C-alpha atoms as a PDB file:
ATOM      1  CA  MET A   1     -19.431 -35.631  -4.719  1.00  0.00           C
ATOM      2  CA  LYS A   2     -21.338 -32.512  -3.630  1.00  0.00           C
ATOM      3  CA  LYS A   3     -19.570 -32.560  -0.275  1.00  0.00           C
ATOM      4  CA  LEU A   4     -16.205 -32.806  -2.016  1.00  0.00           C
ATOM      5  CA  LEU A   5     -16.993 -29.865  -4.298  1.00  0.00           C
ATOM      6  CA  PHE A   6     -18.311 -27.828  -1.397  1.00  0.00           C
ATOM      7  CA  THR A   7     -15.189 -28.595   0.652  1.00  0.00           C
ATOM      8  CA  PHE A   8     -12.947 -27.623  -2.273  1.00  0.00           C
ATOM      9  CA  PHE A   9     -14.868 -24.365  -2.783  1.00  0.00           C
ATOM     10  CA  LEU A  10     -14.682 -23.535   0.914  1.00  0.00           C
ATOM     11  CA  PHE A  11     -10.972 -24.325   1.049  1.00  0.00           C
ATOM     12  CA  SER A  12     -10.164 -22.229  -2.027  1.00  0.00           C
ATOM     13  CA  SER A  13     -12.223 -19.337  -0.649  1.00  0.00           C
ATOM     14  CA  CYS A  14     -10.248 -19.428   2.592  1.00  0.00           C
ATOM     15  CA  LEU A  15      -6.970 -19.481   0.676  1.00  0.00           C
ATOM     16  CA  TRP A  16      -8.029 -16.503  -1.420  1.00  0.00           C
ATOM     17  CA  ALA A  17      -9.103 -14.553   1.648  1.00  0.00           C
ATOM     18  CA  SER A  18      -5.836 -15.182   3.458  1.00  0.00           C
ATOM     19  CA  ALA A  19      -3.609 -14.542   0.417  1.00  0.00           C
ATOM     20  CA  GLN A  20      -4.522 -10.900   0.009  1.00  0.00           C
ATOM     21  CA  ASP A  21      -2.030  -8.388  -1.258  1.00  0.00           C
ATOM     22  CA  ALA A  22      -2.088  -4.622  -0.992  1.00  0.00           C
ATOM     23  CA  THR A  23      -3.382  -4.160  -4.541  1.00  0.00           C
ATOM     24  CA  SER A  24      -6.445  -6.305  -3.860  1.00  0.00           C
ATOM     25  CA  VAL A  25      -7.100  -4.492  -0.560  1.00  0.00           C
ATOM     26  CA  PHE A  26      -7.001  -1.122  -2.327  1.00  0.00           C
ATOM     27  CA  SER A  27      -9.192  -2.444  -5.160  1.00  0.00           C
ATOM     28  CA  TYR A  28     -11.766  -3.691  -2.655  1.00  0.00           C
ATOM     29  CA  PHE A  29     -12.026  -0.408  -0.735  1.00  0.00           C
ATOM     30  CA  LYS A  30     -11.765   2.105  -3.604  1.00  0.00           C
ATOM     31  CA  ASP A  31     -15.435   1.661  -4.532  1.00  0.00           C
ATOM     32  CA  LYS A  32     -16.836   1.948  -1.008  1.00  0.00           C
ATOM     33  CA  LYS A  33     -19.164   4.812  -0.194  1.00  0.00           C
ATOM     34  CA  HIS A  34     -17.396   8.090   0.745  1.00  0.00           C
ATOM     35  CA  VAL A  35     -13.930   6.801  -0.216  1.00  0.00           C
ATOM     36  CA  GLU A  36     -11.749   9.155  -2.208  1.00  0.00           C
ATOM     37  CA  TYR A  37      -9.429   7.336  -4.604  1.00  0.00           C
ATOM     38  CA  VAL A  38      -6.623   8.728  -6.760  1.00  0.00           C
ATOM     39  CA  SER A  39      -4.328   6.708  -8.994  1.00  0.00           C
ATOM     40  CA  ALA A  40      -1.172   7.976 -10.680  1.00  0.00           C
ATOM     41  CA  PRO A  41       0.122   5.595 -13.374  1.00  0.00           C
ATOM     42  CA  ARG A  42       3.730   5.246 -14.526  1.00  0.00           C
ATOM     43  CA  MET A  43       3.311   7.932 -17.181  1.00  0.00           C
ATOM     44  CA  VAL A  44       2.522  10.500 -14.496  1.00  0.00           C
ATOM     45  CA  MET A  45       5.455   9.325 -12.376  1.00  0.00           C
ATOM     46  CA  ASN A  46       7.813   9.653 -15.346  1.00  0.00           C
ATOM     47  CA  LEU A  47       6.447  13.113 -16.108  1.00  0.00           C
ATOM     48  CA  VAL A  48       7.017  14.287 -12.535  1.00  0.00           C
ATOM     49  CA  ALA A  49      10.515  12.730 -12.527  1.00  0.00           C
ATOM     50  CA  SER A  50      11.403  14.484 -15.785  1.00  0.00           C
ATOM     51  CA  LYS A  51      10.385  17.871 -14.348  1.00  0.00           C
ATOM     52  CA  MET A  52      12.625  17.488 -11.322  1.00  0.00           C
ATOM     53  CA  LYS A  53      16.181  18.666 -11.307  1.00  0.00           C
ATOM     54  CA  THR A  54      18.762  15.916 -11.039  1.00  0.00           C
ATOM     55  CA  GLY A  55      18.894  14.249  -7.706  1.00  0.00           C
ATOM     56  CA  ASN A  56      17.792  11.450  -5.488  1.00  0.00           C
ATOM     57  CA  PHE A  57      14.066  12.087  -5.885  1.00  0.00           C
ATOM     58  CA  GLN A  58      14.306  11.903  -9.675  1.00  0.00           C
ATOM     59  CA  ALA A  59      16.022   8.504  -9.460  1.00  0.00           C
ATOM     60  CA  LEU A  60      13.414   7.290  -6.976  1.00  0.00           C
ATOM     61  CA  LEU A  61      10.416   8.481  -9.010  1.00  0.00           C
ATOM     62  CA  SER A  62      11.720   6.821 -12.163  1.00  0.00           C
ATOM     63  CA  GLN A  63      11.535   3.448 -10.360  1.00  0.00           C
ATOM     64  CA  ILE A  64       7.865   3.836  -9.394  1.00  0.00           C
ATOM     65  CA  TYR A  65       5.267   2.223 -11.669  1.00  0.00           C
ATOM     66  CA  SER A  66       2.171   3.590  -9.943  1.00  0.00           C
ATOM     67  CA  ALA A  67       0.923   5.297  -6.821  1.00  0.00           C
ATOM     68  CA  LYS A  68      -2.561   4.973  -5.346  1.00  0.00           C
ATOM     69  CA  LEU A  69      -4.128   7.025  -2.593  1.00  0.00           C
ATOM     70  CA  LEU A  70      -7.221   6.090  -0.600  1.00  0.00           C
ATOM     71  CA  THR A  71      -8.787   8.559   1.793  1.00  0.00           C
ATOM     72  CA  LEU A  72     -11.357   6.928   4.039  1.00  0.00           C
ATOM     73  CA  SER A  73     -11.808   9.795   6.520  1.00  0.00           C
ATOM     74  CA  GLN A  74     -15.424  10.413   5.488  1.00  0.00           C
ATOM     75  CA  CYS A  75     -16.360   6.719   5.717  1.00  0.00           C
ATOM     76  CA  ARG A  76     -18.144   4.977   8.541  1.00  0.00           C
ATOM     77  CA  ARG A  77     -15.924   3.964  11.418  1.00  0.00           C
ATOM     78  CA  GLY A  78     -16.492   0.264  10.628  1.00  0.00           C
ATOM     79  CA  ILE A  79     -15.095   0.676   7.103  1.00  0.00           C
ATOM     80  CA  ARG A  80     -12.010   2.502   8.450  1.00  0.00           C
ATOM     81  CA  LYS A  81     -11.436  -0.245  11.035  1.00  0.00           C
ATOM     82  CA  LYS A  82     -11.815  -2.980   8.422  1.00  0.00           C
ATOM     83  CA  PHE A  83      -9.315  -1.238   6.121  1.00  0.00           C
ATOM     84  CA  THR A  84      -6.831  -0.831   8.960  1.00  0.00           C
ATOM     85  CA  LYS A  85      -7.204  -4.502   9.875  1.00  0.00           C
ATOM     86  CA  LYS A  86      -6.627  -5.624   6.267  1.00  0.00           C
ATOM     87  CA  ILE A  87      -3.469  -3.515   5.988  1.00  0.00           C
ATOM     88  CA  VAL A  88      -2.122  -4.846   9.298  1.00  0.00           C
ATOM     89  CA  GLU A  89      -2.816  -8.408   8.098  1.00  0.00           C
ATOM     90  CA  LEU A  90      -0.466  -7.831   5.145  1.00  0.00           C
ATOM     91  CA  GLY A  91       2.333  -8.506   7.623  1.00  0.00           C
ATOM     92  CA  LYS A  92       1.297 -12.158   7.517  1.00  0.00           C
ATOM     93  CA  THR A  93       1.503 -12.371   3.719  1.00  0.00           C
ATOM     94  CA  GLY A  94       5.065 -11.299   2.921  1.00  0.00           C
ATOM     95  CA  TYR A  95       5.038  -7.613   3.794  1.00  0.00           C
ATOM     96  CA  ASP A  96       7.617  -6.375   6.296  1.00  0.00           C
ATOM     97  CA  GLU A  97       7.005  -3.443   8.556  1.00  0.00           C
ATOM     98  CA  ILE A  98       9.669  -0.858   7.746  1.00  0.00           C
ATOM     99  CA  ALA A  99       8.572   1.759  10.271  1.00  0.00           C
ATOM    100  CA  ALA A 100       5.760   2.456  12.699  1.00  0.00           C
ATOM    101  CA  PHE A 101       5.336   5.577  14.759  1.00  0.00           C
ATOM    102  CA  LYS A 102       2.767   7.840  16.343  1.00  0.00           C
ATOM    103  CA  GLU A 103       2.429  11.507  15.495  1.00  0.00           C
ATOM    104  CA  ASP A 104      -0.125  13.464  17.507  1.00  0.00           C
ATOM    105  CA  ASP A 105      -3.247  11.237  17.431  1.00  0.00           C
ATOM    106  CA  ASP A 106      -2.304   9.395  14.236  1.00  0.00           C
ATOM    107  CA  ASN A 107      -0.650   5.998  13.952  1.00  0.00           C
ATOM    108  CA  ILE A 108       1.601   5.712  10.911  1.00  0.00           C
ATOM    109  CA  SER A 109       2.764   2.380   9.553  1.00  0.00           C
ATOM    110  CA  ILE A 110       4.992   1.708   6.552  1.00  0.00           C
ATOM    111  CA  MET A 111       5.180  -1.802   5.112  1.00  0.00           C
ATOM    112  CA  ALA A 112       7.018  -3.151   2.074  1.00  0.00           C
ATOM    113  CA  ARG A 113       7.123  -6.326   0.018  1.00  0.00           C
ATOM    114  CA  LYS A 114      10.451  -7.120  -1.588  1.00  0.00           C
ATOM    115  CA  GLY A 115      11.145  -9.392  -4.518  1.00  0.00           C
ATOM    116  CA  SER A 116      13.832 -12.052  -4.771  1.00  0.00           C
ATOM    117  CA  ASP A 117      16.224  -9.382  -6.067  1.00  0.00           C
ATOM    118  CA  ASN A 118      15.791  -7.416  -2.780  1.00  0.00           C
ATOM    119  CA  MET A 119      14.076  -4.571  -4.645  1.00  0.00           C
ATOM    120  CA  ILE A 120      10.897  -3.122  -3.153  1.00  0.00           C
ATOM    121  CA  LYS A 121       7.925  -4.227  -5.273  1.00  0.00           C
ATOM    122  CA  GLU A 122       5.191  -2.613  -3.151  1.00  0.00           C
ATOM    123  CA  ALA A 123       5.229  -0.121  -0.322  1.00  0.00           C
ATOM    124  CA  VAL A 124       2.162   0.671   1.753  1.00  0.00           C
ATOM    125  CA  VAL A 125       1.773   3.664   4.041  1.00  0.00           C
ATOM    126  CA  MET A 126      -1.204   3.743   6.383  1.00  0.00           C
ATOM    127  CA  ILE A 127      -2.141   6.733   8.487  1.00  0.00           C
ATOM    128  CA  SER A 128      -4.948   6.063  10.919  1.00  0.00           C
ATOM    129  CA  GLY A 129      -6.414   7.977  13.796  1.00  0.00           C
ATOM    130  CA  LYS A 130      -9.760   8.648  15.423  1.00  0.00           C
ATOM    131  CA  THR A 131     -11.164  10.311  12.313  1.00  0.00           C
ATOM    132  CA  ASP A 132      -8.331  10.018   9.776  1.00  0.00           C
ATOM    133  CA  CYS A 133      -7.654   7.005   7.620  1.00  0.00           C
ATOM    134  CA  ILE A 134      -5.369   7.263   4.608  1.00  0.00           C
ATOM    135  CA  GLY A 135      -3.693   4.523   2.616  1.00  0.00           C
ATOM    136  CA  ILE A 136      -0.931   4.994   0.055  1.00  0.00           C
ATOM    137  CA  LEU A 137       0.235   2.181  -2.206  1.00  0.00           C
ATOM    138  CA  VAL A 138       3.360   2.550  -4.321  1.00  0.00           C
ATOM    139  CA  THR A 139       4.352  -0.172  -6.780  1.00  0.00           C
ATOM    140  CA  GLY A 140       7.537  -0.434  -8.766  1.00  0.00           C
ATOM    141  CA  ASN A 141      11.012  -1.862  -8.779  1.00  0.00           C
ATOM    142  CA  ILE A 142      12.492   0.402  -6.150  1.00  0.00           C
ATOM    143  CA  ASN A 143      16.046   0.245  -4.894  1.00  0.00           C
ATOM    144  CA  PRO A 144      16.079   0.579  -1.074  1.00  0.00           C
ATOM    145  CA  GLU A 145      19.336   2.561  -1.299  1.00  0.00           C
ATOM    146  CA  ASP A 146      17.615   5.183  -3.463  1.00  0.00           C
ATOM    147  CA  VAL A 147      14.837   5.446  -0.879  1.00  0.00           C
ATOM    148  CA  ALA A 148      17.413   6.001   1.872  1.00  0.00           C
ATOM    149  CA  ALA A 149      19.249   8.597  -0.241  1.00  0.00           C
ATOM    150  CA  ALA A 150      16.024  10.458  -1.039  1.00  0.00           C
ATOM    151  CA  MET A 151      14.982  10.436   2.633  1.00  0.00           C
ATOM    152  CA  GLY A 152      18.419  11.798   3.561  1.00  0.00           C
ATOM    153  CA  THR A 153      17.914  14.801   1.258  1.00  0.00           C
ATOM    154  CA  ALA A 154      14.412  15.430   2.582  1.00  0.00           C
ATOM    155  CA  GLU A 155      15.660  16.337   6.044  1.00  0.00           C
END
């Protein structure tokens, strides 16, 4: 019986570890030493959207439930590497890489998880370099067409 319970515990632990989502990754790292963490809830997003003139950005911001920012630049290199690895592993758990590019010495990756209605439920931006490591998590019910329209006006 003990072996069966131990096996079940081990199996469930492995499932939990492999079924990570971006929210749990951010929650894990936000309390690490030298991590800077900022969270903007829906109320803040609505306030910012209401202050904007009409346009694509206002529509986009009204669809965002929260935004979280992690800055790990002051952390040990091992913590930054572990964070980067966890974000990359999200690709195995339902997140699709939208874009990846290199700017100067920084690698930038954008991943998103869509719901059954094809709306973006979570978007993760990771900027990593030799000394930089920044993660941005946006949650909401975001229409991909509004993202494209807002990006078109940003140019």
